[in-house]
Amino acid sequence: MMDLNPWKILSATEVYDNSWIRVTEFAVINPSGGRGIYGKVHFKNTAIGIIVLDAQLNTYLVGQYRFPLNAYSWEIPEGGSPLTTDPLDSAQRELLEETGLFAHSWEKILEMDLSNSVSDEKAIIYLAWDLEQRHSSPEETEKLEIKKLPFQEVYQMVESGSITDSISVAAILKVKLMLSDGRIT
């Protein structure tokens, strides 16, 4: 019963499309039988997040001004992976581009839906370690500030509400659990 779709789509109209997203408005009959509309944002990339831990349990945050929020945001390194690309390859590229870090060891620690009431955007979060410093090369749309901080301090930033980016919050909390239960030593 839970797998059956209670929504009936009457029509679909594409209202916006660019290289990153497509917005569609659907005329629907909702689960209660009423007519209405539903908007869906389709993402053309998978969101990628990378949380880094060095041997001293430091991690790296990336600070940047986020246009949609009209605010500055501290986050783990993040980016997009085209749906036809291996997400790990994209994660490795994003980490190097944004921080100049090359990680020799990787583990996928989390997959999540980012805003499932309006979008189909998926996220994959990796833990990266065994690091080597190289040169960063951010994209032209990115004016980044990089901070290396003890992981515990970054966790406190989540607790205090200074980090609000959903991928970052989820990654930091997941790593905190992994440290607490001994999966990371």
Protein backbone atom coordinates (compact mmCIF):
# COMPACT_ATOMS: atom_id res chain seq x y z
CA MET A 1 0.00 0.00 0.00
CA MET A 2 2.80 2.45 0.86
CA ASP A 3 4.37 2.08 -2.61
CA LEU A 4 1.21 3.10 -4.47
CA ASN A 5 1.23 6.69 -5.73
CA PRO A 6 -1.96 8.44 -4.52
CA TRP A 7 -1.37 11.46 -6.81
CA LYS A 8 -2.88 11.63 -10.30
CA ILE A 9 -1.14 13.89 -12.83
CA LEU A 10 -3.52 15.60 -15.25
CA SER A 11 -0.92 17.67 -17.12
CA ALA A 12 2.65 18.92 -16.87
CA THR A 13 4.02 22.26 -18.04
CA GLU A 14 7.73 23.11 -18.07
CA VAL A 15 8.03 26.65 -16.70
CA TYR A 16 11.83 27.04 -16.51
CA ASP A 17 14.93 25.19 -17.66
CA ASN A 18 18.67 25.89 -17.46
CA SER A 19 21.87 23.85 -17.20
CA TRP A 20 21.27 23.01 -13.53
CA ILE A 21 17.52 22.73 -12.95
CA ARG A 22 14.16 22.29 -14.63
CA VAL A 23 10.94 23.54 -13.00
CA THR A 24 7.68 21.82 -13.91
CA GLU A 25 4.15 22.71 -12.82
CA PHE A 26 1.76 19.78 -12.61
CA ALA A 27 -2.04 19.92 -12.61
CA VAL A 28 -2.96 17.14 -10.18
CA ILE A 29 -5.64 15.36 -8.27
CA ASN A 30 -4.24 15.10 -4.74
CA PRO A 31 -4.54 12.07 -2.43
CA SER A 32 -7.82 13.44 -0.99
CA GLY A 33 -9.37 13.75 -4.47
CA GLY A 34 -9.05 17.53 -4.80
CA ARG A 35 -7.69 19.30 -7.86
CA GLY A 36 -4.61 21.47 -7.51
CA ILE A 37 -1.13 22.28 -8.76
CA TYR A 38 2.24 21.01 -7.65
CA GLY A 39 5.62 22.47 -8.61
CA LYS A 40 8.68 20.28 -8.90
CA VAL A 41 12.32 21.33 -9.24
CA HIS A 42 14.33 18.66 -11.06
CA PHE A 43 18.07 18.82 -10.44
CA LYS A 44 20.40 17.82 -13.25
CA ASN A 45 23.24 17.05 -10.83
CA THR A 46 23.68 15.08 -7.64
CA ALA A 47 24.79 17.25 -4.73
CA ILE A 48 28.15 16.15 -3.33
CA GLY A 49 29.58 16.90 0.12
CA ILE A 50 33.02 16.02 1.43
CA ILE A 51 33.92 16.04 5.11
CA VAL A 52 37.66 15.80 5.65
CA LEU A 53 39.50 14.53 8.72
CA ASP A 54 43.25 14.73 9.10
CA ALA A 55 45.34 12.64 11.53
CA GLN A 56 44.76 15.21 14.33
CA LEU A 57 40.97 15.21 13.72
CA ASN A 58 40.94 18.62 12.07
CA THR A 59 38.50 19.32 9.28
CA TYR A 60 38.15 22.01 6.63
CA LEU A 61 35.30 24.44 6.08
CA VAL A 62 34.64 26.55 3.02
CA GLY A 63 33.10 29.99 3.49
CA GLN A 64 31.27 31.76 0.71
CA TYR A 65 28.43 34.14 0.05
CA ARG A 66 25.34 32.20 -1.03
CA PHE A 67 23.25 34.17 -3.53
CA PRO A 68 19.87 32.44 -2.85
CA LEU A 69 20.18 33.05 0.91
CA ASN A 70 21.64 36.55 0.59
CA ALA A 71 24.02 35.49 3.35
CA TYR A 72 27.51 34.15 4.05
CA SER A 73 27.71 30.43 4.78
CA TRP A 74 30.32 28.12 6.33
CA GLU A 75 30.10 24.63 4.83
CA ILE A 76 32.04 21.49 4.15
CA PRO A 77 33.42 21.36 0.57
CA GLU A 78 30.48 20.78 -1.78
CA GLY A 79 29.59 20.69 -5.42
CA GLY A 80 27.59 18.97 -8.09
CA SER A 81 28.05 15.73 -9.95
CA PRO A 82 26.42 15.32 -13.37
CA LEU A 83 23.99 12.40 -13.22
CA THR A 84 26.11 10.52 -15.78
CA THR A 85 29.36 10.92 -13.78
CA ASP A 86 30.67 8.75 -10.93
CA PRO A 87 29.88 10.80 -7.80
CA LEU A 88 33.22 9.84 -6.20
CA ASP A 89 35.10 11.31 -9.19
CA SER A 90 33.12 14.53 -8.74
CA ALA A 91 33.81 14.57 -4.99
CA GLN A 92 37.55 14.20 -5.60
CA ARG A 93 37.44 17.03 -8.15
CA GLU A 94 35.43 19.33 -5.86
CA LEU A 95 37.71 18.77 -2.86
CA LEU A 96 40.79 19.60 -4.91
CA GLU A 97 39.16 22.61 -6.61
CA GLU A 98 37.87 24.18 -3.42
CA THR A 99 40.57 23.35 -0.86
CA GLY A 100 43.60 22.14 -2.79
CA LEU A 101 43.40 18.89 -0.82
CA PHE A 102 43.92 15.49 -2.40
CA ALA A 103 42.63 12.58 -0.29
CA HIS A 104 44.05 9.08 -0.72
CA SER A 105 41.19 7.44 1.24
CA TRP A 106 37.43 7.84 0.76
CA GLU A 107 34.24 6.38 2.23
CA LYS A 108 30.64 7.15 1.31
CA ILE A 109 28.93 7.84 4.65
CA LEU A 110 25.50 9.18 3.76
CA GLU A 111 22.91 9.56 0.99
CA MET A 112 19.97 11.89 1.47
CA ASP A 113 17.08 13.73 -0.19
CA LEU A 114 17.57 17.48 0.27
CA SER A 115 14.08 18.96 -0.05
CA ASN A 116 11.69 16.21 -1.04
CA SER A 117 8.57 18.37 -0.82
CA VAL A 118 9.61 20.45 -3.86
CA SER A 119 12.65 18.84 -5.48
CA ASP A 120 14.18 15.52 -6.48
CA GLU A 121 17.70 16.65 -5.48
CA LYS A 122 19.80 13.86 -4.00
CA ALA A 123 23.00 14.27 -2.04
CA ILE A 124 25.93 11.94 -1.41
CA ILE A 125 28.38 12.70 1.38
CA TYR A 126 31.89 11.28 1.57
CA LEU A 127 34.44 11.14 4.36
CA ALA A 128 37.96 11.80 3.06
CA TRP A 129 41.27 11.29 4.87
CA ASP A 130 44.96 10.54 4.27
CA LEU A 131 45.45 14.03 2.87
CA GLU A 132 48.00 15.72 0.67
CA GLN A 133 48.02 19.51 0.14
CA ARG A 134 48.06 20.60 -3.48
CA HIS A 135 46.74 23.74 -5.22
CA SER A 136 43.10 24.84 -5.28
CA SER A 137 41.36 26.21 -8.38
CA PRO A 138 37.86 27.45 -7.50
CA GLU A 139 35.31 28.15 -10.22
CA GLU A 140 34.80 31.76 -11.34
CA THR A 141 31.50 31.93 -9.40
CA GLU A 142 33.26 31.01 -6.14
CA LYS A 143 35.07 33.47 -3.89
CA LEU A 144 36.05 31.09 -1.12
CA GLU A 145 37.65 31.32 2.30
CA ILE A 146 39.09 28.09 3.74
CA LYS A 147 39.36 27.32 7.47
CA LYS A 148 41.12 24.36 9.05
CA LEU A 149 39.52 23.72 12.45
CA PRO A 150 39.39 20.96 15.06
CA PHE A 151 36.41 18.73 14.32
CA GLN A 152 34.98 19.32 17.81
CA GLU A 153 34.90 23.08 17.13
CA VAL A 154 33.05 22.49 13.85
CA TYR A 155 30.58 20.25 15.69
CA GLN A 156 30.00 23.10 18.18
CA MET A 157 29.30 25.42 15.21
CA VAL A 158 26.46 23.06 14.22
CA GLU A 159 25.22 22.96 17.83
CA SER A 160 25.23 26.77 18.09
CA GLY A 161 23.51 27.25 14.72
CA SER A 162 26.47 28.93 12.97
CA ILE A 163 26.50 26.15 10.35
CA THR A 164 23.05 25.73 8.79
CA ASP A 165 23.80 24.19 5.37
CA SER A 166 21.89 20.88 5.37
CA ILE A 167 24.63 18.78 3.75
CA SER A 168 27.20 20.14 6.20
CA VAL A 169 24.97 19.62 9.23
CA ALA A 170 24.19 16.03 8.22
CA ALA A 171 27.85 15.23 7.48
CA ILE A 172 29.14 16.72 10.72
CA LEU A 173 26.52 14.93 12.82
CA LYS A 174 27.21 11.63 11.02
CA VAL A 175 30.97 11.95 11.67
CA LYS A 176 30.26 12.84 15.32
CA LEU A 177 28.28 9.58 15.62
CA MET A 178 31.05 7.63 13.87
CA LEU A 179 33.64 9.07 16.28
CA SER A 180 31.40 8.34 19.28
CA ASP A 181 30.77 4.70 18.41
CA GLY A 182 34.37 3.95 17.36
CA ARG A 183 33.92 3.63 13.59
CA ILE A 184 36.51 6.43 13.32
CA THR A 185 39.48 6.28 15.67
